[in-house]
PDB file of N, CA and C in Angstrom:
ATOM      1  N   MET A   1       0.813  -1.188   0.000  1.00  0.00           N
ATOM      2  CA  MET A   1       0.000   0.000   0.000  1.00  0.00           C
ATOM      3  C   MET A   1       0.862   1.259   0.000  1.00  0.00           C
ATOM      4  N   ARG A   2       2.012   1.193   0.630  1.00  0.00           N
ATOM      5  CA  ARG A   2       2.857   2.398   0.709  1.00  0.00           C
ATOM      6  C   ARG A   2       3.337   2.863  -0.647  1.00  0.00           C
ATOM      7  N   SER A   3       3.419   1.969  -1.618  1.00  0.00           N
ATOM      8  CA  SER A   3       3.895   2.376  -2.943  1.00  0.00           C
ATOM      9  C   SER A   3       2.759   2.947  -3.791  1.00  0.00           C
ATOM     10  N   ARG A   4       1.533   2.800  -3.353  1.00  0.00           N
ATOM     11  CA  ARG A   4       0.379   3.335  -4.079  1.00  0.00           C
ATOM     12  C   ARG A   4       0.044   4.701  -3.505  1.00  0.00           C
ATOM     13  N   LEU A   5       0.611   5.702  -4.115  1.00  0.00           N
ATOM     14  CA  LEU A   5       0.489   7.056  -3.587  1.00  0.00           C
ATOM     15  C   LEU A   5      -0.956   7.537  -3.515  1.00  0.00           C
ATOM     16  N   HIS A   6      -1.794   7.129  -4.446  1.00  0.00           N
ATOM     17  CA  HIS A   6      -3.192   7.571  -4.407  1.00  0.00           C
ATOM     18  C   HIS A   6      -3.908   7.003  -3.181  1.00  0.00           C
ATOM     19  N   GLU A   7      -3.545   5.786  -2.737  1.00  0.00           N
ATOM     20  CA  GLU A   7      -4.144   5.218  -1.538  1.00  0.00           C
ATOM     21  C   GLU A   7      -3.653   5.947  -0.290  1.00  0.00           C
ATOM     22  N   LEU A   8      -2.367   6.278  -0.268  1.00  0.00           N
ATOM     23  CA  LEU A   8      -1.836   7.064   0.851  1.00  0.00           C
ATOM     24  C   LEU A   8      -2.506   8.431   0.910  1.00  0.00           C
ATOM     25  N   ALA A   9      -2.719   9.026  -0.244  1.00  0.00           N
ATOM     26  CA  ALA A   9      -3.368  10.335  -0.293  1.00  0.00           C
ATOM     27  C   ALA A   9      -4.789  10.251   0.247  1.00  0.00           C
ATOM     28  N   ALA A  10      -5.503   9.189  -0.099  1.00  0.00           N
ATOM     29  CA  ALA A  10      -6.875   9.020   0.395  1.00  0.00           C
ATOM     30  C   ALA A  10      -6.891   8.883   1.912  1.00  0.00           C
ATOM     31  N   LEU A  11      -5.955   8.109   2.462  1.00  0.00           N
ATOM     32  CA  LEU A  11      -5.868   7.970   3.920  1.00  0.00           C
ATOM     33  C   LEU A  11      -5.558   9.308   4.573  1.00  0.00           C
ATOM     34  N   SER A  12      -4.617  10.007   3.988  1.00  0.00           N
ATOM     35  CA  SER A  12      -4.213  11.292   4.536  1.00  0.00           C
ATOM     36  C   SER A  12      -5.356  12.302   4.498  1.00  0.00           C
ATOM     37  N   GLU A  13      -6.046  12.373   3.371  1.00  0.00           N
ATOM     38  CA  GLU A  13      -7.149  13.316   3.227  1.00  0.00           C
ATOM     39  C   GLU A  13      -8.310  12.999   4.160  1.00  0.00           C
ATOM     40  N   SER A  14      -8.477  11.729   4.505  1.00  0.00           N
ATOM     41  CA  SER A  14      -9.568  11.352   5.406  1.00  0.00           C
ATOM     42  C   SER A  14      -9.247  11.687   6.862  1.00  0.00           C
ATOM     43  N   GLY A  15      -7.975  11.985   7.146  1.00  0.00           N
ATOM     44  CA  GLY A  15      -7.573  12.339   8.501  1.00  0.00           C
ATOM     45  C   GLY A  15      -7.208  11.143   9.374  1.00  0.00           C
ATOM     46  N   VAL A  16      -7.177   9.968   8.788  1.00  0.00           N
ATOM     47  CA  VAL A  16      -6.851   8.756   9.538  1.00  0.00           C
ATOM     48  C   VAL A  16      -5.345   8.690   9.767  1.00  0.00           C
ATOM     49  N   VAL A  17      -4.948   8.414  10.993  1.00  0.00           N
ATOM     50  CA  VAL A  17      -3.529   8.179  11.283  1.00  0.00           C
ATOM     51  C   VAL A  17      -3.284   6.705  11.002  1.00  0.00           C
ATOM     52  N   THR A  18      -2.296   6.418  10.138  1.00  0.00           N
ATOM     53  CA  THR A  18      -2.050   5.057   9.677  1.00  0.00           C
ATOM     54  C   THR A  18      -0.668   4.591  10.104  1.00  0.00           C
ATOM     55  N   TYR A  19      -0.594   3.314  10.491  1.00  0.00           N
ATOM     56  CA  TYR A  19       0.682   2.708  10.868  1.00  0.00           C
ATOM     57  C   TYR A  19       0.949   1.526   9.953  1.00  0.00           C
ATOM     58  N   PHE A  20       2.175   1.479   9.437  1.00  0.00           N
ATOM     59  CA  PHE A  20       2.625   0.378   8.591  1.00  0.00           C
ATOM     60  C   PHE A  20       3.750  -0.343   9.310  1.00  0.00           C
ATOM     61  N   PHE A  21       3.955  -1.581   8.931  1.00  0.00           N
ATOM     62  CA  PHE A  21       5.090  -2.338   9.446  1.00  0.00           C
ATOM     63  C   PHE A  21       6.227  -2.262   8.431  1.00  0.00           C
ATOM     64  N   GLN A  22       7.432  -2.153   8.925  1.00  0.00           N
ATOM     65  CA  GLN A  22       8.610  -2.188   8.059  1.00  0.00           C
ATOM     66  C   GLN A  22       8.621  -3.522   7.312  1.00  0.00           C
ATOM     67  N   ARG A  23       9.190  -3.552   6.123  1.00  0.00           N
ATOM     68  CA  ARG A  23       9.178  -4.771   5.284  1.00  0.00           C
ATOM     69  C   ARG A  23       9.708  -6.007   6.004  1.00  0.00           C
ATOM     70  N   GLN A  24      10.652  -5.831   6.901  1.00  0.00           N
ATOM     71  CA  GLN A  24      11.261  -6.962   7.607  1.00  0.00           C
ATOM     72  C   GLN A  24      10.246  -7.741   8.446  1.00  0.00           C
ATOM     73  N   TRP A  25       9.137  -7.125   8.786  1.00  0.00           N
ATOM     74  CA  TRP A  25       8.109  -7.817   9.562  1.00  0.00           C
ATOM     75  C   TRP A  25       7.604  -9.049   8.816  1.00  0.00           C
ATOM     76  N   SER A  26       7.557  -8.994   7.511  1.00  0.00           N
ATOM     77  CA  SER A  26       7.013 -10.126   6.743  1.00  0.00           C
ATOM     78  C   SER A  26       7.898 -11.366   6.844  1.00  0.00           C
ATOM     79  N   GLY A  27       9.160 -11.196   7.222  1.00  0.00           N
ATOM     80  CA  GLY A  27      10.066 -12.340   7.322  1.00  0.00           C
ATOM     81  C   GLY A  27      10.045 -13.039   8.674  1.00  0.00           C
ATOM     82  N   GLY A  28       9.394 -12.442   9.658  1.00  0.00           N
ATOM     83  CA  GLY A  28       9.373 -13.043  10.989  1.00  0.00           C
ATOM     84  C   GLY A  28       8.315 -14.124  11.110  1.00  0.00           C
ATOM     85  N   ASP A  29       8.559 -15.060  12.013  1.00  0.00           N
ATOM     86  CA  ASP A  29       7.538 -16.083  12.253  1.00  0.00           C
ATOM     87  C   ASP A  29       6.463 -15.518  13.179  1.00  0.00           C
ATOM     88  N   PHE A  30       5.406 -16.269  13.381  1.00  0.00           N
ATOM     89  CA  PHE A  30       4.256 -15.814  14.156  1.00  0.00           C
ATOM     90  C   PHE A  30       4.659 -15.344  15.559  1.00  0.00           C
ATOM     91  N   PHE A  31       5.490 -16.104  16.233  1.00  0.00           N
ATOM     92  CA  PHE A  31       5.853 -15.783  17.610  1.00  0.00           C
ATOM     93  C   PHE A  31       6.731 -14.526  17.689  1.00  0.00           C
ATOM     94  N   THR A  32       7.628 -14.387  16.754  1.00  0.00           N
ATOM     95  CA  THR A  32       8.483 -13.199  16.727  1.00  0.00           C
ATOM     96  C   THR A  32       7.649 -11.952  16.461  1.00  0.00           C
ATOM     97  N   LYS A  33       6.761 -12.024  15.476  1.00  0.00           N
ATOM     98  CA  LYS A  33       5.905 -10.876  15.166  1.00  0.00           C
ATOM     99  C   LYS A  33       5.011 -10.525  16.359  1.00  0.00           C
ATOM    100  N   SER A  34       4.475 -11.538  17.003  1.00  0.00           N
ATOM    101  CA  SER A  34       3.605 -11.300  18.165  1.00  0.00           C
ATOM    102  C   SER A  34       4.366 -10.601  19.284  1.00  0.00           C
ATOM    103  N   ALA A  35       5.568 -11.095  19.570  1.00  0.00           N
ATOM    104  CA  ALA A  35       6.383 -10.489  20.624  1.00  0.00           C
ATOM    105  C   ALA A  35       6.758  -9.056  20.274  1.00  0.00           C
ATOM    106  N   MET A  36       7.126  -8.848  19.021  1.00  0.00           N
ATOM    107  CA  MET A  36       7.510  -7.497  18.595  1.00  0.00           C
ATOM    108  C   MET A  36       6.325  -6.536  18.684  1.00  0.00           C
ATOM    109  N   LEU A  37       5.149  -6.974  18.251  1.00  0.00           N
ATOM    110  CA  LEU A  37       3.978  -6.104  18.305  1.00  0.00           C
ATOM    111  C   LEU A  37       3.612  -5.770  19.752  1.00  0.00           C
ATOM    112  N   LEU A  38       3.655  -6.768  20.621  1.00  0.00           N
ATOM    113  CA  LEU A  38       3.383  -6.503  22.042  1.00  0.00           C
ATOM    114  C   LEU A  38       4.418  -5.545  22.633  1.00  0.00           C
ATOM    115  N   HIS A  39       5.661  -5.694  22.209  1.00  0.00           N
ATOM    116  CA  HIS A  39       6.732  -4.813  22.683  1.00  0.00           C
ATOM    117  C   HIS A  39       6.511  -3.374  22.210  1.00  0.00           C
ATOM    118  N   TRP A  40       6.127  -3.206  20.953  1.00  0.00           N
ATOM    119  CA  TRP A  40       5.972  -1.880  20.367  1.00  0.00           C
ATOM    120  C   TRP A  40       4.637  -1.226  20.707  1.00  0.00           C
ATOM    121  N   TRP A  41       3.630  -2.005  21.090  1.00  0.00           N
ATOM    122  CA  TRP A  41       2.296  -1.458  21.261  1.00  0.00           C
ATOM    123  C   TRP A  41       2.224  -0.244  22.201  1.00  0.00           C
ATOM    124  N   PRO A  42       2.853  -0.247  23.388  1.00  0.00           N
ATOM    125  CA  PRO A  42       2.765   0.944  24.248  1.00  0.00           C
ATOM    126  C   PRO A  42       3.287   2.212  23.567  1.00  0.00           C
ATOM    127  N   LYS A  43       4.355   2.095  22.813  1.00  0.00           N
ATOM    128  CA  LYS A  43       4.917   3.266  22.123  1.00  0.00           C
ATOM    129  C   LYS A  43       3.975   3.733  21.012  1.00  0.00           C
ATOM    130  N   VAL A  44       3.395   2.789  20.265  1.00  0.00           N
ATOM    131  CA  VAL A  44       2.458   3.148  19.197  1.00  0.00           C
ATOM    132  C   VAL A  44       1.213   3.795  19.806  1.00  0.00           C
ATOM    133  N   ARG A  45       0.718   3.223  20.864  1.00  0.00           N
ATOM    134  CA  ARG A  45      -0.482   3.766  21.532  1.00  0.00           C
ATOM    135  C   ARG A  45      -0.236   5.194  22.021  1.00  0.00           C
ATOM    136  N   GLU A  46       0.909   5.425  22.606  1.00  0.00           N
ATOM    137  CA  GLU A  46       1.274   6.767  23.058  1.00  0.00           C
ATOM    138  C   GLU A  46       1.392   7.729  21.871  1.00  0.00           C
ATOM    139  N   HIS A  47       1.973   7.228  20.794  1.00  0.00           N
ATOM    140  CA  HIS A  47       2.177   8.028  19.585  1.00  0.00           C
ATOM    141  C   HIS A  47       0.852   8.451  18.965  1.00  0.00           C
ATOM    142  N   MET A  48      -0.155   7.583  19.048  1.00  0.00           N
ATOM    143  CA  MET A  48      -1.467   7.876  18.457  1.00  0.00           C
ATOM    144  C   MET A  48      -2.066   9.159  19.021  1.00  0.00           C
ATOM    145  N   ASN A  49      -1.782   9.447  20.278  1.00  0.00           N
ATOM    146  CA  ASN A  49      -2.355  10.631  20.920  1.00  0.00           C
ATOM    147  C   ASN A  49      -1.784  11.944  20.396  1.00  0.00           C
ATOM    148  N   SER A  50      -0.573  11.896  19.856  1.00  0.00           N
ATOM    149  CA  SER A  50       0.070  13.135  19.410  1.00  0.00           C
ATOM    150  C   SER A  50       0.297  13.211  17.898  1.00  0.00           C
ATOM    151  N   ALA A  51       0.019  12.134  17.183  1.00  0.00           N
ATOM    152  CA  ALA A  51       0.263  12.120  15.731  1.00  0.00           C
ATOM    153  C   ALA A  51      -0.704  13.051  15.017  1.00  0.00           C
ATOM    154  N   PRO A  52      -0.202  13.825  14.067  1.00  0.00           N
ATOM    155  CA  PRO A  52      -1.083  14.716  13.298  1.00  0.00           C
ATOM    156  C   PRO A  52      -2.105  13.913  12.484  1.00  0.00           C
ATOM    157  N   LYS A  53      -3.304  14.432  12.376  1.00  0.00           N
ATOM    158  CA  LYS A  53      -4.328  13.762  11.577  1.00  0.00           C
ATOM    159  C   LYS A  53      -3.846  13.604  10.142  1.00  0.00           C
ATOM    160  N   GLY A  54      -4.099  12.434   9.571  1.00  0.00           N
ATOM    161  CA  GLY A  54      -3.727  12.175   8.191  1.00  0.00           C
ATOM    162  C   GLY A  54      -2.281  11.755   7.985  1.00  0.00           C
ATOM    163  N   SER A  55      -1.540  11.565   9.073  1.00  0.00           N
ATOM    164  CA  SER A  55      -0.132  11.168   8.921  1.00  0.00           C
ATOM    165  C   SER A  55       0.005   9.651   8.842  1.00  0.00           C
ATOM    166  N   CYS A  56       1.114   9.199   8.271  1.00  0.00           N
ATOM    167  CA  CYS A  56       1.416   7.771   8.122  1.00  0.00           C
ATOM    168  C   CYS A  56       2.765   7.490   8.763  1.00  0.00           C
ATOM    169  N   TRP A  57       2.852   6.380   9.479  1.00  0.00           N
ATOM    170  CA  TRP A  57       4.054   6.052  10.248  1.00  0.00           C
ATOM    171  C   TRP A  57       4.448   4.605  10.034  1.00  0.00           C
ATOM    172  N   GLU A  58       5.733   4.330  10.198  1.00  0.00           N
ATOM    173  CA  GLU A  58       6.262   2.987  10.025  1.00  0.00           C
ATOM    174  C   GLU A  58       6.825   2.470  11.342  1.00  0.00           C
ATOM    175  N   ILE A  59       6.438   1.246  11.703  1.00  0.00           N
ATOM    176  CA  ILE A  59       6.914   0.603  12.921  1.00  0.00           C
ATOM    177  C   ILE A  59       8.133  -0.245  12.556  1.00  0.00           C
ATOM    178  N   PRO A  60       9.290   0.035  13.157  1.00  0.00           N
ATOM    179  CA  PRO A  60      10.495  -0.723  12.808  1.00  0.00           C
ATOM    180  C   PRO A  60      10.450  -2.157  13.324  1.00  0.00           C
ATOM    181  N   PHE A  61      11.172  -3.020  12.662  1.00  0.00           N
ATOM    182  CA  PHE A  61      11.282  -4.420  13.084  1.00  0.00           C
ATOM    183  C   PHE A  61      12.593  -4.584  13.829  1.00  0.00           C
ATOM    184  N   GLN A  62      12.612  -4.079  15.031  1.00  0.00           N
ATOM    185  CA  GLN A  62      13.783  -4.211  15.894  1.00  0.00           C
ATOM    186  C   GLN A  62      13.312  -4.101  17.331  1.00  0.00           C
ATOM    187  N   TRP A  63      14.044  -4.699  18.225  1.00  0.00           N
ATOM    188  CA  TRP A  63      13.643  -4.748  19.622  1.00  0.00           C
ATOM    189  C   TRP A  63      13.974  -3.456  20.361  1.00  0.00           C
ATOM    190  N   THR A  64      15.011  -2.768  19.946  1.00  0.00           N
ATOM    191  CA  THR A  64      15.398  -1.540  20.640  1.00  0.00           C
ATOM    192  C   THR A  64      14.478  -0.400  20.213  1.00  0.00           C
ATOM    193  N   TRP A  65      14.162   0.459  21.162  1.00  0.00           N
ATOM    194  CA  TRP A  65      13.267   1.578  20.895  1.00  0.00           C
ATOM    195  C   TRP A  65      13.931   2.602  19.986  1.00  0.00           C
ATOM    196  N   LYS A  66      13.185   3.136  19.091  1.00  0.00           N
ATOM    197  CA  LYS A  66      13.603   4.265  18.284  1.00  0.00           C
ATOM    198  C   LYS A  66      12.342   4.968  17.824  1.00  0.00           C
ATOM    199  N   ASP A  67      12.479   6.136  17.242  1.00  0.00           N
ATOM    200  CA  ASP A  67      11.309   6.867  16.783  1.00  0.00           C
ATOM    201  C   ASP A  67      10.663   6.163  15.602  1.00  0.00           C
ATOM    202  N   LEU A  68       9.350   6.290  15.514  1.00  0.00           N
ATOM    203  CA  LEU A  68       8.645   5.782  14.349  1.00  0.00           C
ATOM    204  C   LEU A  68       8.973   6.687  13.171  1.00  0.00           C
ATOM    205  N   SER A  69       9.074   6.121  11.988  1.00  0.00           N
ATOM    206  CA  SER A  69       9.418   6.904  10.794  1.00  0.00           C
ATOM    207  C   SER A  69       8.161   7.481  10.158  1.00  0.00           C
ATOM    208  N   ASP A  70       8.207   8.753   9.842  1.00  0.00           N
ATOM    209  CA  ASP A  70       7.099   9.410   9.159  1.00  0.00           C
ATOM    210  C   ASP A  70       7.177   9.048   7.675  1.00  0.00           C
ATOM    211  N   VAL A  71       6.171   8.351   7.171  1.00  0.00           N
ATOM    212  CA  VAL A  71       6.141   7.943   5.767  1.00  0.00           C
ATOM    213  C   VAL A  71       4.921   8.541   5.053  1.00  0.00           C
ATOM    214  N   THR A  72       4.462   9.675   5.564  1.00  0.00           N
ATOM    215  CA  THR A  72       3.322  10.366   4.967  1.00  0.00           C
ATOM    216  C   THR A  72       3.675  10.772   3.542  1.00  0.00           C
ATOM    217  N   ALA A  73       2.762  10.509   2.620  1.00  0.00           N
ATOM    218  CA  ALA A  73       2.992  10.844   1.213  1.00  0.00           C
ATOM    219  C   ALA A  73       2.982  12.354   1.023  1.00  0.00           C
ATOM    220  N   ASP A  74       3.879  12.821   0.201  1.00  0.00           N
ATOM    221  CA  ASP A  74       3.954  14.238  -0.142  1.00  0.00           C
ATOM    222  C   ASP A  74       2.894  14.528  -1.206  1.00  0.00           C
ATOM    223  N   PRO A  75       1.932  15.402  -0.907  1.00  0.00           N
ATOM    224  CA  PRO A  75       0.873  15.693  -1.891  1.00  0.00           C
ATOM    225  C   PRO A  75       1.404  16.164  -3.242  1.00  0.00           C
ATOM    226  N   LYS A  76       2.519  16.883  -3.259  1.00  0.00           N
ATOM    227  CA  LYS A  76       3.106  17.350  -4.525  1.00  0.00           C
ATOM    228  C   LYS A  76       3.563  16.164  -5.369  1.00  0.00           C
ATOM    229  N   ALA A  77       4.166  15.159  -4.733  1.00  0.00           N
ATOM    230  CA  ALA A  77       4.643  13.981  -5.458  1.00  0.00           C
ATOM    231  C   ALA A  77       3.470  13.209  -6.059  1.00  0.00           C
ATOM    232  N   ILE A  78       2.362  13.171  -5.342  1.00  0.00           N
ATOM    233  CA  ILE A  78       1.180  12.464  -5.847  1.00  0.00           C
ATOM    234  C   ILE A  78       0.641  13.160  -7.084  1.00  0.00           C
ATOM    235  N   LYS A  79       0.548  14.481  -7.045  1.00  0.00           N
ATOM    236  CA  LYS A  79       0.031  15.234  -8.192  1.00  0.00           C
ATOM    237  C   LYS A  79       0.938  15.072  -9.403  1.00  0.00           C
ATOM    238  N   GLU A  80       2.262  15.103  -9.186  1.00  0.00           N
ATOM    239  CA  GLU A  80       3.206  14.966 -10.296  1.00  0.00           C
ATOM    240  C   GLU A  80       3.147  13.580 -10.904  1.00  0.00           C
ATOM    241  N   LYS A  81       2.927  12.547 -10.070  1.00  0.00           N
ATOM    242  CA  LYS A  81       2.879  11.176 -10.578  1.00  0.00           C
ATOM    243  C   LYS A  81       1.634  10.956 -11.425  1.00  0.00           C
ATOM    244  N   LYS A  82       0.544  11.662 -11.128  1.00  0.00           N
ATOM    245  CA  LYS A  82      -0.690  11.518 -11.895  1.00  0.00           C
ATOM    246  C   LYS A  82      -0.530  12.027 -13.327  1.00  0.00           C
ATOM    247  N   ARG A  83       0.373  12.970 -13.537  1.00  0.00           N
ATOM    248  CA  ARG A  83       0.542  13.574 -14.861  1.00  0.00           C
ATOM    249  C   ARG A  83       1.104  12.622 -15.838  1.00  0.00           C
TER     250      ARG A  83
END
């Protein structure tokens, strides 16, 4: 979904705060993904309270804490790609 700029634009315009998983999440087994999600959930939940409406964020696939990456689509890039 992140590569489909028109879908990101629709999410952003609707005001929904969206969270994506980093690509490495797809390589983990069920137990690893479950543990990682439980580990990250408090930080994501806290982040939801302050995230700007319509923003998109990426959850890293690592155990150590770090900031979530802002992956919100640039509206200018979406308009240029449509041309």
